[in-house]
Amino acid sequence: MKVMHRISEKEFASLCRGIRLDAESIVEHNPIGTREVTLLWMLLGVLINYLSLSELETPCFTGTPDSATYRDAIAYIVTARRSEPFDVAPYLDEMTSDAD
C-alpha cells in the first residue's frame, strides 16, 4: 500500500521561501528559460520529490512549458496533496517576484 504524502501551507510556504532565497544561484546554474520559468521548474521538481510522486502522478508536458504551464501543474499537485485548503498563487507570485 502506497502512502500518500501531504503538504501543509506552512511546508509549501517554506519551500517557496527557500527557492526565493536561493533564486540567483538556481537561475545561474539552471538557465532553462526565464527567471520565473526556472524557479517554477525547480519548485515542481522539489514537490515531485518531497511528495514522493510516482511517474504516473508526475505531470507530463507537450511542447515547451511556460510559466502558466508550471503554475497549473504545481497548483494541481498541491491541491491533490494539501493537508488543508490554501491558495498556492500568492506564494508562487512572491517566489517569482524580482523584488529582493
Protein backbone atom coordinates (compact mmCIF):
# COMPACT_ATOMS: atom_id res chain seq x y z
CA MET A 1 0.00 0.00 0.00
CA LYS A 2 1.44 3.33 -1.08
CA VAL A 3 1.37 6.12 1.49
CA MET A 4 0.11 9.43 0.11
CA HIS A 5 2.33 12.22 1.37
CA ARG A 6 0.58 15.50 2.11
CA ILE A 7 1.82 19.08 2.29
CA SER A 8 0.71 21.82 4.66
CA GLU A 9 0.54 25.50 3.83
CA LYS A 10 3.47 26.10 6.19
CA GLU A 11 5.59 23.48 4.39
CA PHE A 12 4.68 24.85 0.96
CA ALA A 13 5.47 28.40 2.06
CA SER A 14 8.83 27.22 3.39
CA LEU A 15 9.73 25.52 0.10
CA CYS A 16 8.81 28.67 -1.86
CA ARG A 17 10.76 30.86 0.56
CA GLY A 18 13.85 28.64 0.27
CA ILE A 19 13.76 28.75 -3.52
CA ARG A 20 13.34 32.52 -3.43
CA LEU A 21 16.34 32.86 -1.11
CA ASP A 22 18.47 30.76 -3.48
CA ALA A 23 16.93 32.19 -6.67
CA GLU A 24 20.08 33.77 -8.08
CA SER A 25 22.09 30.58 -7.70
CA ILE A 26 19.26 28.44 -9.07
CA VAL A 27 18.88 30.65 -12.15
CA GLU A 28 22.64 30.87 -12.69
CA HIS A 29 23.11 27.09 -12.60
CA ASN A 30 19.91 26.14 -14.46
CA PRO A 31 19.48 28.52 -17.40
CA ILE A 32 16.45 26.71 -18.84
CA GLY A 33 14.35 29.77 -19.59
CA THR A 34 13.18 32.95 -17.93
CA ARG A 35 13.81 33.51 -14.24
CA GLU A 36 10.17 32.74 -13.46
CA VAL A 37 10.15 29.52 -15.50
CA THR A 38 13.38 28.35 -13.89
CA LEU A 39 12.12 28.93 -10.34
CA LEU A 40 8.76 27.28 -11.05
CA TRP A 41 10.57 24.34 -12.69
CA MET A 42 12.71 23.98 -9.57
CA LEU A 43 9.67 24.07 -7.27
CA LEU A 44 7.89 21.46 -9.37
CA GLY A 45 10.93 19.19 -9.10
CA VAL A 46 11.13 19.71 -5.35
CA LEU A 47 7.42 18.92 -4.94
CA ILE A 48 7.73 15.75 -7.00
CA ASN A 49 10.48 14.54 -4.67
CA TYR A 50 9.03 15.96 -1.45
CA LEU A 51 5.66 14.31 -2.05
CA SER A 52 7.22 11.12 -3.44
CA LEU A 53 5.14 11.26 -6.62
CA SER A 54 5.31 8.24 -8.89
CA GLU A 55 5.89 8.54 -12.63
CA LEU A 56 2.15 8.15 -13.12
CA GLU A 57 1.46 11.11 -10.79
CA THR A 58 4.12 13.37 -12.30
CA PRO A 59 2.82 15.93 -14.82
CA CYS A 60 3.83 15.47 -18.46
CA PHE A 61 4.10 18.39 -20.83
CA THR A 62 3.81 18.61 -24.58
CA GLY A 63 5.91 21.26 -26.26
CA THR A 64 7.89 23.78 -24.27
CA PRO A 65 6.26 24.57 -20.91
CA ASP A 66 5.88 28.20 -19.93
CA SER A 67 5.27 29.79 -16.54
CA ALA A 68 1.50 29.24 -16.79
CA THR A 69 2.05 25.55 -17.51
CA TYR A 70 4.29 25.18 -14.45
CA ARG A 71 1.91 27.18 -12.24
CA ASP A 72 -1.00 24.97 -13.30
CA ALA A 73 0.99 21.79 -12.67
CA ILE A 74 2.10 22.98 -9.23
CA ALA A 75 -1.45 24.01 -8.28
CA TYR A 76 -2.78 20.65 -9.47
CA ILE A 77 -0.24 18.66 -7.45
CA VAL A 78 -0.64 20.74 -4.30
CA THR A 79 -4.45 20.76 -4.48
CA ALA A 80 -4.45 16.96 -4.59
CA ARG A 81 -1.92 16.64 -1.76
CA ARG A 82 -2.53 19.56 0.61
CA SER A 83 -3.36 18.78 4.22
CA GLU A 84 -5.65 21.83 4.48
CA PRO A 85 -7.11 24.19 1.87
CA PHE A 86 -4.87 27.09 0.81
CA ASP A 87 -4.13 29.07 -2.34
CA VAL A 88 -0.71 28.49 -3.91
CA ALA A 89 -0.86 31.61 -6.14
CA PRO A 90 0.34 34.19 -3.58
CA TYR A 91 3.33 32.01 -2.71
CA LEU A 92 4.22 31.50 -6.36
CA ASP A 93 3.89 35.24 -7.02
CA GLU A 94 6.17 36.08 -4.11
CA MET A 95 8.68 33.38 -5.02
CA THR A 96 8.99 34.58 -8.63
CA SER A 97 8.91 38.30 -7.87
CA ASP A 98 12.01 40.21 -8.99
CA ALA A 99 11.99 42.33 -5.83
CA ASP A 100 14.62 41.48 -3.24
